[in-house]
N, C-alpha and C. Protein backbone atom coordinates (compact mmCIF):
# COMPACT_ATOMS: atom_id res chain seq x y z
N MET A 1 199.55 -10.21 -163.56
CA MET A 1 199.55 -10.25 -164.98
C MET A 1 198.76 -8.84 -165.49
N GLY A 2 198.96 -8.79 -166.79
CA GLY A 2 198.06 -7.32 -167.07
C GLY A 2 196.69 -7.89 -167.49
N GLN A 3 195.83 -6.78 -167.32
CA GLN A 3 194.52 -7.14 -167.63
C GLN A 3 194.15 -6.24 -169.06
N TYR A 4 193.41 -6.95 -169.87
CA TYR A 4 193.09 -6.07 -171.11
C TYR A 4 191.78 -5.92 -171.22
N PHE A 5 191.50 -4.54 -171.79
CA PHE A 5 190.11 -3.91 -171.77
C PHE A 5 189.70 -4.04 -173.22
N ASN A 6 188.29 -4.35 -173.53
CA ASN A 6 187.68 -4.05 -174.44
C ASN A 6 186.42 -3.26 -174.39
N VAL A 7 185.99 -2.47 -175.36
CA VAL A 7 184.87 -1.54 -175.31
C VAL A 7 183.67 -2.11 -175.85
N TYR A 8 182.71 -2.06 -174.85
CA TYR A 8 181.18 -2.31 -175.21
C TYR A 8 180.32 -1.05 -175.43
N LEU A 9 179.63 -0.97 -176.46
CA LEU A 9 178.81 0.10 -176.90
C LEU A 9 177.44 -0.66 -177.37
N LYS A 10 176.26 0.15 -176.85
CA LYS A 10 175.02 -0.32 -177.27
C LYS A 10 174.35 1.16 -177.61
N ASP A 11 173.76 1.22 -178.96
CA ASP A 11 173.05 2.28 -179.43
C ASP A 11 171.56 2.36 -178.89
N ASN A 12 170.80 3.39 -179.18
CA ASN A 12 169.48 3.54 -178.57
C ASN A 12 168.46 2.64 -179.27
N LYS A 13 168.94 1.87 -180.41
CA LYS A 13 168.08 0.84 -181.00
C LYS A 13 168.47 -0.50 -180.46
N GLY A 14 169.34 -0.68 -179.34
CA GLY A 14 169.74 -2.07 -178.93
C GLY A 14 170.75 -2.67 -179.68
N LYS A 15 171.42 -2.00 -180.69
CA LYS A 15 172.67 -2.82 -181.44
C LYS A 15 173.64 -2.63 -180.53
N GLU A 16 174.46 -3.80 -180.49
CA GLU A 16 175.67 -3.77 -179.66
C GLU A 16 176.83 -3.99 -180.43
N PHE A 17 177.79 -3.14 -179.99
CA PHE A 17 179.34 -3.31 -180.63
C PHE A 17 180.39 -3.69 -179.71
N ALA A 18 181.35 -4.27 -180.12
CA ALA A 18 182.63 -4.60 -179.34
C ALA A 18 183.89 -4.21 -179.91
N PHE A 19 184.56 -3.60 -179.30
CA PHE A 19 185.95 -3.09 -179.94
C PHE A 19 187.03 -3.53 -179.01
N ILE A 20 188.17 -3.75 -179.80
CA ILE A 20 189.45 -4.17 -178.95
C ILE A 20 190.42 -2.81 -179.22
N PRO A 21 190.69 -2.22 -178.25
CA PRO A 21 191.70 -0.86 -178.23
C PRO A 21 193.03 -1.75 -178.54
N SER A 22 193.95 -0.79 -179.12
CA SER A 22 195.26 -1.28 -179.37
C SER A 22 196.25 -0.16 -178.89
N PRO A 23 197.06 -0.41 -177.88
CA PRO A 23 197.07 -1.53 -176.95
C PRO A 23 195.94 -1.55 -176.05
N ALA A 24 195.74 -2.84 -175.41
CA ALA A 24 194.56 -2.93 -174.64
C ALA A 24 194.62 -2.84 -173.12
N LYS A 25 195.92 -2.74 -172.73
CA LYS A 25 195.93 -2.57 -170.99
C LYS A 25 195.32 -1.22 -170.90
N LEU A 26 194.60 -0.86 -169.77
CA LEU A 26 194.00 0.44 -169.64
C LEU A 26 194.97 1.55 -169.74
N MET A 27 195.93 1.60 -169.16
CA MET A 27 196.65 2.77 -168.95
C MET A 27 197.90 2.81 -170.10
N GLU A 28 197.73 1.85 -171.12
CA GLU A 28 198.50 1.90 -172.26
C GLU A 28 198.01 2.82 -173.12
N HIS A 29 196.55 2.86 -173.10
CA HIS A 29 195.70 3.70 -174.13
C HIS A 29 194.78 4.72 -173.74
N SER A 30 194.84 4.85 -172.34
CA SER A 30 193.89 5.91 -171.91
C SER A 30 194.52 7.35 -171.73
N TRP A 31 194.94 7.78 -172.97
CA TRP A 31 195.73 9.26 -172.90
C TRP A 31 194.87 10.11 -173.80
N TRP A 32 194.93 11.24 -173.64
CA TRP A 32 194.26 12.42 -174.30
C TRP A 32 194.46 12.24 -175.81
N THR A 33 195.48 12.06 -176.43
CA THR A 33 195.67 12.12 -177.98
C THR A 33 195.81 10.62 -178.39
N ASN A 34 195.44 9.54 -177.68
CA ASN A 34 195.36 8.46 -178.25
C ASN A 34 194.38 8.11 -179.27
N SER A 35 194.81 7.59 -180.30
CA SER A 35 193.98 7.45 -181.72
C SER A 35 192.83 6.42 -181.41
N THR A 36 193.11 5.37 -180.60
CA THR A 36 191.90 4.34 -180.43
C THR A 36 190.80 5.07 -179.59
N VAL A 37 191.19 5.76 -178.52
CA VAL A 37 190.18 6.49 -177.67
C VAL A 37 189.47 7.57 -178.50
N ASN A 38 190.33 7.98 -179.21
CA ASN A 38 189.61 9.20 -179.98
C ASN A 38 188.60 8.47 -181.10
N ARG A 39 188.85 7.42 -181.56
CA ARG A 39 188.02 6.70 -182.49
C ARG A 39 186.49 6.49 -181.74
N ILE A 40 186.68 5.97 -180.40
CA ILE A 40 185.48 5.63 -179.61
C ILE A 40 184.76 7.14 -179.45
N VAL A 41 185.45 8.10 -179.20
CA VAL A 41 184.83 9.42 -179.09
C VAL A 41 184.16 9.80 -180.33
N LEU A 42 184.72 9.58 -181.52
CA LEU A 42 183.88 9.68 -182.69
C LEU A 42 182.52 9.02 -182.70
N LEU A 43 182.70 7.92 -182.44
CA LEU A 43 181.38 7.15 -182.32
C LEU A 43 180.37 7.73 -181.47
N LEU A 44 180.76 8.49 -180.36
CA LEU A 44 179.99 8.82 -179.36
C LEU A 44 179.59 10.41 -179.78
N PHE A 45 180.06 10.98 -180.83
CA PHE A 45 179.76 12.46 -181.17
C PHE A 45 178.35 12.62 -181.51
N GLU A 46 177.67 13.36 -180.64
CA GLU A 46 176.23 13.65 -180.88
C GLU A 46 175.41 12.23 -181.21
N SER A 47 175.82 11.08 -180.61
CA SER A 47 175.25 10.04 -180.62
C SER A 47 175.29 9.21 -179.30
N PRO A 48 174.47 9.31 -178.45
CA PRO A 48 174.49 8.75 -177.04
C PRO A 48 174.47 7.18 -177.13
N LYS A 49 175.34 6.68 -176.41
CA LYS A 49 175.45 5.12 -176.48
C LYS A 49 175.64 4.63 -175.04
N GLU A 50 175.22 3.49 -174.48
CA GLU A 50 175.73 2.82 -173.39
C GLU A 50 176.92 2.37 -173.57
N ILE A 51 177.86 2.61 -172.68
CA ILE A 51 179.36 2.22 -172.81
C ILE A 51 180.00 1.80 -171.47
N ALA A 52 180.88 0.71 -171.93
CA ALA A 52 181.64 0.36 -170.64
C ALA A 52 183.08 -0.35 -171.37
N TRP A 53 184.08 0.07 -170.57
CA TRP A 53 185.58 -0.40 -170.97
C TRP A 53 185.62 -1.66 -170.07
N ILE A 54 185.54 -2.81 -170.48
CA ILE A 54 185.43 -4.11 -169.77
C ILE A 54 186.75 -4.89 -169.66
N GLY A 55 187.27 -5.05 -168.46
CA GLY A 55 188.33 -5.77 -168.48
C GLY A 55 188.32 -7.21 -168.23
N ASP A 56 189.52 -8.03 -168.65
CA ASP A 56 189.35 -9.47 -168.57
C ASP A 56 189.14 -10.07 -167.21
N TYR A 57 189.45 -9.26 -166.30
CA TYR A 57 189.37 -9.76 -164.80
C TYR A 57 188.01 -9.19 -164.23
N ALA A 58 187.11 -8.50 -164.94
CA ALA A 58 185.87 -8.04 -164.51
C ALA A 58 185.01 -9.23 -163.82
N ASP A 59 184.38 -8.72 -162.77
CA ASP A 59 183.54 -9.74 -161.97
C ASP A 59 182.25 -10.09 -162.78
N THR A 60 182.04 -11.17 -163.34
CA THR A 60 180.82 -11.39 -164.14
C THR A 60 179.78 -11.67 -163.34
N GLU A 61 179.73 -11.95 -161.82
CA GLU A 61 178.77 -12.09 -160.97
C GLU A 61 178.02 -10.68 -160.60
N ASN A 62 179.03 -9.84 -160.43
CA ASN A 62 178.62 -8.49 -159.83
C ASN A 62 178.84 -7.28 -160.74
N ASP A 63 179.68 -7.33 -161.66
CA ASP A 63 180.01 -6.03 -162.22
C ASP A 63 179.49 -5.91 -163.84
N VAL A 64 179.46 -7.13 -164.32
CA VAL A 64 179.24 -7.09 -165.91
C VAL A 64 178.32 -8.41 -166.10
N PRO A 65 177.16 -8.32 -166.87
CA PRO A 65 176.46 -9.52 -167.18
C PRO A 65 177.38 -10.53 -168.05
N ASP A 66 177.23 -11.82 -167.77
CA ASP A 66 178.04 -12.81 -168.56
C ASP A 66 178.07 -12.59 -170.16
N TYR A 67 176.74 -12.34 -170.62
CA TYR A 67 176.74 -12.36 -172.04
C TYR A 67 177.36 -11.06 -172.66
N ILE A 68 177.47 -9.99 -171.94
CA ILE A 68 178.07 -8.86 -172.35
C ILE A 68 179.64 -9.12 -172.17
N TYR A 69 179.99 -9.77 -171.22
CA TYR A 69 181.52 -10.05 -171.08
C TYR A 69 181.94 -10.89 -172.12
N GLU A 70 181.21 -12.06 -172.58
CA GLU A 70 181.51 -12.94 -173.76
C GLU A 70 181.36 -12.22 -174.86
N PHE A 71 180.46 -11.20 -175.13
CA PHE A 71 180.15 -10.62 -176.35
C PHE A 71 181.56 -9.75 -176.78
N THR A 72 181.96 -9.11 -175.73
CA THR A 72 183.08 -8.03 -175.92
C THR A 72 184.37 -8.85 -175.79
N HIS A 73 184.60 -10.04 -175.41
CA HIS A 73 185.62 -10.75 -175.40
C HIS A 73 185.77 -11.92 -176.22
N SER A 74 184.89 -12.16 -177.14
CA SER A 74 184.81 -13.16 -178.29
C SER A 74 185.59 -12.64 -179.50
N ALA A 75 186.25 -13.45 -180.12
CA ALA A 75 187.11 -13.26 -181.24
C ALA A 75 186.08 -12.98 -182.46
N GLU A 76 184.76 -13.59 -182.24
CA GLU A 76 183.84 -13.53 -183.53
C GLU A 76 183.09 -12.32 -183.29
N THR A 77 183.07 -11.60 -182.24
CA THR A 77 182.27 -10.28 -182.25
C THR A 77 182.96 -9.04 -182.19
N ALA A 78 184.10 -9.07 -181.15
CA ALA A 78 184.94 -7.96 -181.02
C ALA A 78 185.87 -7.51 -182.18
N VAL A 79 185.89 -6.59 -182.67
CA VAL A 79 186.79 -6.19 -183.72
C VAL A 79 187.79 -5.24 -183.23
N THR A 80 189.02 -5.16 -183.87
CA THR A 80 190.03 -4.23 -183.34
C THR A 80 189.77 -2.84 -183.98
N ILE A 81 189.75 -1.84 -183.15
CA ILE A 81 189.24 -0.64 -183.71
C ILE A 81 190.41 0.09 -184.60
N GLU A 82 189.88 0.86 -185.65
CA GLU A 82 190.66 1.30 -186.53
C GLU A 82 191.60 2.40 -185.97
N GLN A 83 192.83 2.75 -186.31
CA GLN A 83 193.54 3.88 -185.73
C GLN A 83 192.81 5.03 -186.46
N PHE A 84 192.63 6.23 -185.52
CA PHE A 84 192.04 7.41 -186.10
C PHE A 84 193.03 8.08 -187.04
N PRO A 85 192.68 8.47 -188.08
CA PRO A 85 193.51 8.75 -189.37
C PRO A 85 194.32 10.10 -188.93
N TYR A 86 193.90 10.98 -188.03
CA TYR A 86 194.63 12.25 -187.55
C TYR A 86 194.46 12.37 -186.15
N PRO A 87 195.35 13.30 -185.56
CA PRO A 87 195.31 13.56 -184.12
C PRO A 87 193.97 14.36 -183.95
N ALA A 88 193.16 14.05 -182.79
CA ALA A 88 191.97 14.69 -182.55
C ALA A 88 191.85 14.67 -181.08
N THR A 89 191.15 15.92 -180.44
CA THR A 89 191.14 15.72 -179.06
C THR A 89 189.69 16.43 -178.86
N MET A 90 189.36 16.36 -177.52
CA MET A 90 188.15 16.91 -177.15
C MET A 90 188.13 18.28 -176.50
N ASP A 91 189.19 19.13 -176.65
CA ASP A 91 189.53 20.39 -176.06
C ASP A 91 188.34 21.25 -176.10
N HIS A 92 187.42 21.13 -176.97
CA HIS A 92 186.40 22.20 -177.05
C HIS A 92 184.87 21.53 -177.00
N LEU A 93 185.10 20.26 -176.42
CA LEU A 93 183.66 19.63 -176.40
C LEU A 93 183.39 19.25 -175.02
N PHE A 94 182.33 18.34 -174.72
CA PHE A 94 181.71 18.10 -173.60
C PHE A 94 181.54 16.65 -173.54
N LEU A 95 181.99 15.89 -172.60
CA LEU A 95 181.68 14.65 -172.31
C LEU A 95 180.40 14.57 -171.41
N VAL A 96 179.43 13.89 -171.89
CA VAL A 96 178.10 13.98 -171.29
C VAL A 96 177.55 12.58 -170.80
N ASN A 97 177.10 12.46 -169.63
CA ASN A 97 176.45 11.48 -168.93
C ASN A 97 174.98 11.61 -168.95
N HIS A 98 174.29 10.90 -169.84
CA HIS A 98 172.75 11.17 -169.94
C HIS A 98 172.18 10.42 -168.81
N THR A 99 172.70 9.31 -168.43
CA THR A 99 172.11 8.58 -167.18
C THR A 99 172.05 9.47 -165.95
N LYS A 100 173.11 9.98 -165.65
CA LYS A 100 173.30 10.77 -164.43
C LYS A 100 173.04 12.33 -164.49
N LYS A 101 172.74 12.52 -165.82
CA LYS A 101 172.48 14.12 -166.24
C LYS A 101 173.71 15.06 -165.54
N ILE A 102 174.94 14.72 -165.93
CA ILE A 102 176.09 15.23 -165.62
C ILE A 102 176.91 15.53 -166.95
N TYR A 103 178.01 16.40 -166.90
CA TYR A 103 178.83 16.58 -167.96
C TYR A 103 180.27 17.07 -167.49
N VAL A 104 181.22 16.63 -168.25
CA VAL A 104 182.62 17.25 -168.13
C VAL A 104 183.07 18.21 -169.14
N ASP A 105 183.34 19.37 -168.78
CA ASP A 105 183.81 20.38 -169.68
C ASP A 105 185.34 20.07 -169.95
N CYS A 106 185.57 19.50 -171.06
CA CYS A 106 186.96 18.80 -171.65
C CYS A 106 187.95 19.85 -171.72
N ARG A 107 187.74 21.02 -172.03
CA ARG A 107 188.69 22.13 -171.98
C ARG A 107 189.28 22.32 -170.64
N THR A 108 188.34 22.46 -169.81
CA THR A 108 188.74 22.65 -168.41
C THR A 108 189.31 21.40 -167.69
N TYR A 109 188.80 20.25 -168.03
CA TYR A 109 189.39 18.96 -167.61
C TYR A 109 190.85 18.97 -168.06
N HIS A 110 191.23 19.07 -169.42
CA HIS A 110 192.32 19.08 -170.10
C HIS A 110 193.38 20.05 -169.30
N ASN A 111 193.06 21.25 -169.26
CA ASN A 111 193.91 22.13 -168.76
C ASN A 111 194.24 21.95 -167.36
N GLU A 112 193.43 21.58 -166.51
CA GLU A 112 193.85 21.30 -165.09
C GLU A 112 194.66 20.13 -164.85
N ASN A 113 194.20 19.05 -165.71
CA ASN A 113 195.01 17.86 -165.74
C ASN A 113 196.40 18.01 -166.22
N LEU A 114 196.44 18.95 -167.31
CA LEU A 114 197.73 19.23 -167.85
C LEU A 114 198.71 19.78 -166.98
N LYS A 115 198.26 20.76 -166.16
CA LYS A 115 199.13 21.41 -165.17
C LYS A 115 199.64 20.44 -164.06
N ILE A 116 198.94 19.40 -163.84
CA ILE A 116 199.53 18.34 -162.86
C ILE A 116 200.44 17.50 -163.68
N ASN A 117 200.14 16.86 -164.76
CA ASN A 117 201.09 16.08 -165.59
C ASN A 117 202.33 16.91 -166.12
N ILE A 118 202.17 18.10 -166.54
CA ILE A 118 203.46 18.82 -167.05
C ILE A 118 204.43 18.90 -165.80
N ALA A 119 203.83 19.25 -164.66
CA ALA A 119 204.86 19.19 -163.51
C ALA A 119 205.61 17.98 -163.22
N LYS A 120 204.98 16.76 -163.57
CA LYS A 120 205.50 15.49 -163.39
C LYS A 120 206.21 14.95 -164.54
N THR A 121 205.74 15.14 -165.87
CA THR A 121 206.38 14.41 -166.84
C THR A 121 207.00 15.50 -167.90
N ASN A 122 206.58 16.78 -168.02
CA ASN A 122 206.86 17.70 -169.10
C ASN A 122 206.48 17.36 -170.36
N ASP A 123 205.55 16.47 -170.43
CA ASP A 123 204.93 16.19 -171.78
C ASP A 123 203.33 16.42 -171.84
N PRO A 124 203.02 17.28 -172.69
CA PRO A 124 201.67 17.56 -172.84
C PRO A 124 200.71 16.46 -173.33
N ASP A 125 201.11 15.61 -173.90
CA ASP A 125 200.36 14.37 -174.53
C ASP A 125 200.02 13.42 -173.20
N MET A 126 200.63 13.65 -172.13
CA MET A 126 200.27 12.70 -171.07
C MET A 126 199.13 13.09 -170.14
N VAL A 127 198.09 13.49 -170.64
CA VAL A 127 197.01 13.90 -169.96
C VAL A 127 196.24 12.56 -170.07
N ILE A 128 195.68 12.17 -168.88
CA ILE A 128 194.75 10.98 -168.99
C ILE A 128 193.40 11.28 -169.51
N HIS A 129 192.95 10.40 -170.34
CA HIS A 129 191.54 10.65 -170.93
C HIS A 129 190.46 10.25 -170.10
N PRO A 130 189.46 10.87 -169.62
CA PRO A 130 188.48 10.60 -168.53
C PRO A 130 187.57 9.42 -169.18
N LEU A 131 187.49 9.19 -170.45
CA LEU A 131 186.51 8.37 -171.00
C LEU A 131 186.48 6.80 -170.58
N PRO A 132 187.76 6.45 -170.89
CA PRO A 132 188.15 4.98 -170.57
C PRO A 132 188.02 4.70 -169.01
N LEU A 133 188.63 5.56 -168.26
CA LEU A 133 188.72 5.59 -166.68
C LEU A 133 187.30 5.47 -166.18
N LEU A 134 186.45 6.30 -166.51
CA LEU A 134 185.06 6.51 -165.95
C LEU A 134 184.20 5.51 -166.35
N THR A 135 184.50 4.79 -167.34
CA THR A 135 183.59 3.62 -167.82
C THR A 135 184.16 2.28 -167.71
N ALA A 136 185.39 2.28 -166.99
CA ALA A 136 186.16 0.98 -166.96
C ALA A 136 185.34 0.11 -165.75
N VAL A 137 185.42 -1.05 -166.01
CA VAL A 137 184.86 -2.33 -165.18
C VAL A 137 186.02 -3.21 -165.06
N GLY A 138 186.26 -3.61 -163.83
CA GLY A 138 187.26 -4.37 -163.57
C GLY A 138 188.79 -3.72 -163.08
N ASN A 139 188.71 -2.35 -162.84
CA ASN A 139 189.96 -1.69 -162.93
C ASN A 139 190.54 -2.14 -161.37
N GLY A 140 191.76 -2.17 -161.28
CA GLY A 140 192.32 -2.49 -160.02
C GLY A 140 192.54 -4.05 -159.93
N GLU A 141 192.33 -4.89 -161.05
CA GLU A 141 192.45 -6.29 -160.76
C GLU A 141 193.82 -6.74 -161.46
N GLY A 142 194.43 -5.90 -162.23
CA GLY A 142 195.44 -6.52 -162.96
C GLY A 142 196.64 -5.28 -163.24
N GLY A 143 197.75 -5.70 -163.87
CA GLY A 143 198.76 -4.74 -164.21
C GLY A 143 198.50 -3.93 -165.49
N GLY A 144 198.72 -2.81 -165.38
CA GLY A 144 198.30 -1.74 -166.32
C GLY A 144 197.06 -1.09 -166.19
N ASP A 145 196.41 -1.30 -164.86
CA ASP A 145 195.27 -0.51 -164.55
C ASP A 145 195.59 0.86 -163.92
N TYR A 146 194.51 1.54 -163.73
CA TYR A 146 194.66 2.93 -163.03
C TYR A 146 194.83 2.78 -161.62
N PHE A 147 195.96 3.26 -160.92
CA PHE A 147 196.16 3.50 -159.76
C PHE A 147 196.73 4.58 -159.38
N GLY A 148 195.80 5.61 -159.32
CA GLY A 148 196.22 7.06 -159.02
C GLY A 148 195.13 7.93 -158.34
N ILE A 149 195.41 9.28 -158.26
CA ILE A 149 194.48 10.28 -157.87
C ILE A 149 193.11 10.00 -158.31
N ASN A 150 192.10 9.99 -157.26
CA ASN A 150 190.68 9.70 -157.62
C ASN A 150 190.35 8.40 -158.25
N GLN A 151 191.07 7.43 -157.79
CA GLN A 151 190.69 6.13 -158.28
C GLN A 151 189.07 5.60 -157.86
N GLN A 152 188.76 6.16 -156.92
CA GLN A 152 187.19 5.71 -156.62
C GLN A 152 186.29 6.22 -157.61
N TYR A 153 186.58 7.11 -158.40
CA TYR A 153 185.68 7.45 -159.55
C TYR A 153 185.77 6.50 -160.84
N VAL A 154 186.77 5.85 -160.89
CA VAL A 154 186.98 4.81 -161.99
C VAL A 154 185.79 3.78 -161.96
N GLY A 155 185.04 3.73 -163.31
CA GLY A 155 184.07 2.88 -163.44
C GLY A 155 182.70 3.45 -163.02
N THR A 156 182.55 4.66 -162.61
CA THR A 156 181.53 5.24 -162.00
C THR A 156 180.40 5.45 -163.20
N TRP A 157 180.83 5.66 -164.38
CA TRP A 157 179.92 5.75 -165.73
C TRP A 157 179.71 4.54 -166.41
N ALA A 158 180.20 3.30 -165.93
CA ALA A 158 180.12 2.09 -166.48
C ALA A 158 178.71 1.82 -166.70
N PHE A 159 178.31 1.44 -168.15
CA PHE A 159 176.96 1.12 -168.54
C PHE A 159 176.10 2.20 -168.47
N ASP A 160 176.44 3.42 -168.40
CA ASP A 160 175.69 4.52 -168.58
C ASP A 160 175.54 4.84 -170.01
N THR A 161 174.52 5.79 -170.26
CA THR A 161 174.56 6.39 -171.64
C THR A 161 175.35 7.74 -171.83
N VAL A 162 176.22 7.71 -172.83
CA VAL A 162 177.22 8.68 -172.83
C VAL A 162 177.36 9.15 -174.11
N SER A 163 177.63 10.46 -174.25
CA SER A 163 177.91 11.07 -175.50
C SER A 163 178.85 12.00 -175.62
N VAL A 164 179.38 12.66 -176.63
CA VAL A 164 180.29 13.80 -176.79
C VAL A 164 179.54 14.81 -177.61
N GLU A 165 179.44 16.10 -176.79
CA GLU A 165 178.50 16.99 -177.43
C GLU A 165 179.25 18.50 -177.63
N CYS A 166 178.92 19.30 -178.52
CA CYS A 166 179.44 20.54 -178.77
C CYS A 166 179.08 21.52 -177.63
N LYS A 167 177.86 21.33 -176.95
CA LYS A 167 177.64 22.20 -175.89
C LYS A 167 176.79 21.43 -174.91
N PRO A 168 176.83 21.76 -173.46
CA PRO A 168 176.26 21.06 -172.53
C PRO A 168 174.66 21.08 -172.73
N PRO A 169 174.12 19.92 -172.31
CA PRO A 169 172.71 19.76 -172.09
C PRO A 169 172.14 20.73 -170.99
N GLU A 170 170.99 21.26 -171.44
CA GLU A 170 170.30 22.16 -170.39
C GLU A 170 169.75 21.28 -169.22
N GLY A 171 170.09 21.69 -168.03
CA GLY A 171 169.56 21.15 -166.82
C GLY A 171 170.46 20.01 -166.34
N TYR A 172 171.71 19.83 -167.09
CA TYR A 172 172.61 18.84 -166.57
C TYR A 172 173.59 19.54 -165.49
N SER A 173 174.29 18.94 -164.56
CA SER A 173 175.27 19.49 -163.93
C SER A 173 176.79 19.16 -164.19
N ILE A 174 177.57 20.34 -164.19
CA ILE A 174 178.91 19.98 -164.42
C ILE A 174 179.57 19.33 -163.32
N VAL A 175 180.67 18.53 -163.58
CA VAL A 175 181.41 17.68 -162.68
C VAL A 175 182.96 17.96 -163.03
N PHE A 176 183.78 17.65 -162.15
CA PHE A 176 185.21 17.80 -162.41
C PHE A 176 185.90 16.60 -161.96
N TYR A 177 186.81 16.08 -162.71
CA TYR A 177 187.61 14.92 -162.36
C TYR A 177 188.97 15.21 -162.37
N LEU A 178 189.95 14.73 -161.74
CA LEU A 178 191.44 14.84 -161.71
C LEU A 178 191.96 13.59 -161.70
N PHE A 179 192.76 13.21 -162.82
CA PHE A 179 193.30 11.92 -162.91
C PHE A 179 194.85 12.00 -163.22
N SER A 180 195.51 11.45 -162.31
CA SER A 180 197.07 11.64 -162.53
C SER A 180 197.56 10.16 -161.70
N GLU A 181 198.70 9.70 -162.40
CA GLU A 181 199.32 8.48 -161.77
C GLU A 181 200.46 8.96 -160.83
């Protein structure tokens, strides 16, 4: 069966937010130009937050605390995220992990992933967005999850403090990921 993912965010003041992407299966919405993913990007723009994309089948004993799982999957607390009103991408931005002191140059990420995906699909919109994959908890447990190149990196940024920035922070290291189904 398919696994549905909701997004958990916690700001630097401890306020928690839960969002339901639409559609909610990981690989139904984890695309470069997806409006719901780009809405989360907007919430992270120059505003570091703890983040995790938490699946229905995530292990609450080892991967995610019970209260966070309940918070993100409760009809009372989770809200459907609004569609982004216009197309937006991160082509000139940096996805920054403040916990690990690393960042992704999104222009390089997009261009390199585009080469791989154009060869397969001939569709420039079919570049996988790194944010949902890097922060996913429970990937591999259900249909619609990511099963592709570099699957071992999926979830490695879960519950880290992440932001989207106009320039990389000093002293942080650049990292590169390639995701393709």
